[in-house]
């Protein structure tokens, strides 16, 4: 039935938005509360890899990243270190900051 209606009716984006709002189908937008804050005065770091994430030998190029995850008890931060040679996980450590 929905497919038949959608073929006959072509509502605009605004009309669809109003209908969704009327029936409570809109997702509430959350403000991003990440750990990274941009500093306009900071100098950008030098691009040492220049987009080349492949390595001929192990332990010559490593990558790292920190990810924030929301859990029932609060926030959990995961730090991972990967080797560019074979994408092997060198180190990872979940940390709960209090």
C-alpha atoms as a PDB file:
ATOM      1  CA  UNK A   1       0.000   0.000   0.000  1.00  0.00           C
ATOM      2  CA  UNK A   2       2.821   2.417   0.836  1.00  0.00           C
ATOM      3  CA  UNK A   3       4.469   1.720  -2.522  1.00  0.00           C
ATOM      4  CA  UNK A   4       1.203   2.488  -4.339  1.00  0.00           C
ATOM      5  CA  UNK A   5       0.796   5.742  -2.437  1.00  0.00           C
ATOM      6  CA  UNK A   6       4.371   6.784  -3.039  1.00  0.00           C
ATOM      7  CA  UNK A   7       3.920   6.263  -6.781  1.00  0.00           C
ATOM      8  CA  UNK A   8       0.838   8.498  -6.875  1.00  0.00           C
ATOM      9  CA  UNK A   9       1.940  11.145  -4.399  1.00  0.00           C
ATOM     10  CA  UNK A  10       5.199  13.031  -4.652  1.00  0.00           C
ATOM     11  CA  UNK A  11       5.338  15.168  -1.501  1.00  0.00           C
ATOM     12  CA  UNK A  12       8.047  17.757  -1.177  1.00  0.00           C
ATOM     13  CA  UNK A  13      10.778  17.475   1.432  1.00  0.00           C
ATOM     14  CA  UNK A  14       9.070  20.116   3.575  1.00  0.00           C
ATOM     15  CA  UNK A  15       5.703  18.359   3.483  1.00  0.00           C
ATOM     16  CA  UNK A  16       7.353  15.060   4.406  1.00  0.00           C
ATOM     17  CA  UNK A  17       9.117  16.786   7.283  1.00  0.00           C
ATOM     18  CA  UNK A  18       5.847  18.244   8.582  1.00  0.00           C
ATOM     19  CA  UNK A  19       4.103  14.860   8.404  1.00  0.00           C
ATOM     20  CA  UNK A  20       6.957  13.148  10.239  1.00  0.00           C
ATOM     21  CA  UNK A  21       6.965  15.859  12.895  1.00  0.00           C
ATOM     22  CA  UNK A  22       3.199  15.566  13.347  1.00  0.00           C
ATOM     23  CA  UNK A  23       3.444  11.815  14.006  1.00  0.00           C
ATOM     24  CA  UNK A  24       6.565  12.037  16.163  1.00  0.00           C
ATOM     25  CA  UNK A  25       8.799  10.244  13.664  1.00  0.00           C
ATOM     26  CA  UNK A  26      11.693  12.696  13.748  1.00  0.00           C
ATOM     27  CA  UNK A  27      14.912  11.766  15.460  1.00  0.00           C
ATOM     28  CA  UNK A  28      16.084  14.312  17.982  1.00  0.00           C
ATOM     29  CA  UNK A  29      19.406  15.820  16.995  1.00  0.00           C
ATOM     30  CA  UNK A  30      22.153  15.551  19.547  1.00  0.00           C
ATOM     31  CA  UNK A  31      24.876  18.102  19.935  1.00  0.00           C
ATOM     32  CA  UNK A  32      28.292  16.598  19.284  1.00  0.00           C
ATOM     33  CA  UNK A  33      30.297  16.398  22.476  1.00  0.00           C
ATOM     34  CA  UNK A  34      33.550  14.982  21.182  1.00  0.00           C
ATOM     35  CA  UNK A  35      36.945  15.174  22.794  1.00  0.00           C
ATOM     36  CA  UNK A  36      38.536  17.066  19.915  1.00  0.00           C
ATOM     37  CA  UNK A  37      38.277  20.831  19.972  1.00  0.00           C
ATOM     38  CA  UNK A  38      39.590  22.795  17.022  1.00  0.00           C
ATOM     39  CA  UNK A  39      42.131  25.454  17.872  1.00  0.00           C
ATOM     40  CA  UNK A  40      42.298  28.074  15.104  1.00  0.00           C
ATOM     41  CA  UNK A  41      45.740  29.222  16.287  1.00  0.00           C
ATOM     42  CA  UNK A  42      47.289  25.741  16.183  1.00  0.00           C
ATOM     43  CA  UNK A  43      49.686  24.923  13.378  1.00  0.00           C
ATOM     44  CA  UNK A  44      48.836  21.804  11.360  1.00  0.00           C
ATOM     45  CA  UNK A  45      51.097  18.809  11.909  1.00  0.00           C
ATOM     46  CA  UNK A  46      53.497  17.806   9.166  1.00  0.00           C
ATOM     47  CA  UNK A  47      52.110  15.094   6.860  1.00  0.00           C
ATOM     48  CA  UNK A  48      54.870  12.519   7.231  1.00  0.00           C
ATOM     49  CA  UNK A  49      53.118   9.696   5.343  1.00  0.00           C
ATOM     50  CA  UNK A  50      51.733  11.859   2.511  1.00  0.00           C
ATOM     51  CA  UNK A  51      48.857   9.409   2.017  1.00  0.00           C
ATOM     52  CA  UNK A  52      51.127   6.356   1.629  1.00  0.00           C
ATOM     53  CA  UNK A  53      49.745   3.875   4.166  1.00  0.00           C
ATOM     54  CA  UNK A  54      51.613   0.854   2.785  1.00  0.00           C
ATOM     55  CA  UNK A  55      54.897  -0.384   4.165  1.00  0.00           C
ATOM     56  CA  UNK A  56      57.499  -2.734   2.683  1.00  0.00           C
ATOM     57  CA  UNK A  57      58.773  -3.892   6.082  1.00  0.00           C
ATOM     58  CA  UNK A  58      57.100  -4.508   9.438  1.00  0.00           C
ATOM     59  CA  UNK A  59      57.459  -1.973  12.255  1.00  0.00           C
ATOM     60  CA  UNK A  60      58.371   0.935   9.968  1.00  0.00           C
ATOM     61  CA  UNK A  61      54.984   2.726   9.882  1.00  0.00           C
ATOM     62  CA  UNK A  62      52.433   2.664  12.645  1.00  0.00           C
ATOM     63  CA  UNK A  63      49.055   4.391  12.843  1.00  0.00           C
ATOM     64  CA  UNK A  64      47.091   5.274  15.936  1.00  0.00           C
ATOM     65  CA  UNK A  65      43.616   6.519  16.712  1.00  0.00           C
ATOM     66  CA  UNK A  66      41.554   7.240  19.794  1.00  0.00           C
ATOM     67  CA  UNK A  67      37.824   6.562  19.700  1.00  0.00           C
ATOM     68  CA  UNK A  68      35.237   7.650  22.242  1.00  0.00           C
ATOM     69  CA  UNK A  69      32.366   5.222  22.862  1.00  0.00           C
ATOM     70  CA  UNK A  70      29.305   5.823  24.986  1.00  0.00           C
ATOM     71  CA  UNK A  71      28.425   2.977  27.360  1.00  0.00           C
ATOM     72  CA  UNK A  72      25.810   2.506  30.061  1.00  0.00           C
ATOM     73  CA  UNK A  73      28.305   3.410  32.772  1.00  0.00           C
ATOM     74  CA  UNK A  74      29.748   6.423  30.968  1.00  0.00           C
ATOM     75  CA  UNK A  75      32.342   6.955  28.271  1.00  0.00           C
ATOM     76  CA  UNK A  76      35.026   4.512  27.199  1.00  0.00           C
ATOM     77  CA  UNK A  77      38.068   5.530  25.170  1.00  0.00           C
ATOM     78  CA  UNK A  78      39.790   3.000  22.918  1.00  0.00           C
ATOM     79  CA  UNK A  79      43.328   3.617  21.712  1.00  0.00           C
ATOM     80  CA  UNK A  80      44.574   1.353  18.921  1.00  0.00           C
ATOM     81  CA  UNK A  81      47.968   1.137  17.199  1.00  0.00           C
ATOM     82  CA  UNK A  82      48.211  -0.635  13.821  1.00  0.00           C
ATOM     83  CA  UNK A  83      51.205  -1.659  11.727  1.00  0.00           C
ATOM     84  CA  UNK A  84      50.908  -0.472   8.095  1.00  0.00           C
ATOM     85  CA  UNK A  85      52.782  -3.540   6.813  1.00  0.00           C
ATOM     86  CA  UNK A  86      49.984  -6.049   7.415  1.00  0.00           C
ATOM     87  CA  UNK A  87      47.374  -4.056   9.380  1.00  0.00           C
ATOM     88  CA  UNK A  88      48.368  -6.068  12.434  1.00  0.00           C
ATOM     89  CA  UNK A  89      47.089  -4.735  15.724  1.00  0.00           C
ATOM     90  CA  UNK A  90      50.169  -3.817  17.738  1.00  0.00           C
ATOM     91  CA  UNK A  91      48.389  -2.458  20.783  1.00  0.00           C
ATOM     92  CA  UNK A  92      44.934  -1.520  21.930  1.00  0.00           C
ATOM     93  CA  UNK A  93      43.804  -0.327  25.295  1.00  0.00           C
ATOM     94  CA  UNK A  94      40.284   0.522  26.442  1.00  0.00           C
ATOM     95  CA  UNK A  95      40.365   3.193  29.158  1.00  0.00           C
ATOM     96  CA  UNK A  96      37.586   4.593  31.289  1.00  0.00           C
ATOM     97  CA  UNK A  97      38.417   8.132  32.375  1.00  0.00           C
ATOM     98  CA  UNK A  98      36.840   9.400  35.550  1.00  0.00           C
END
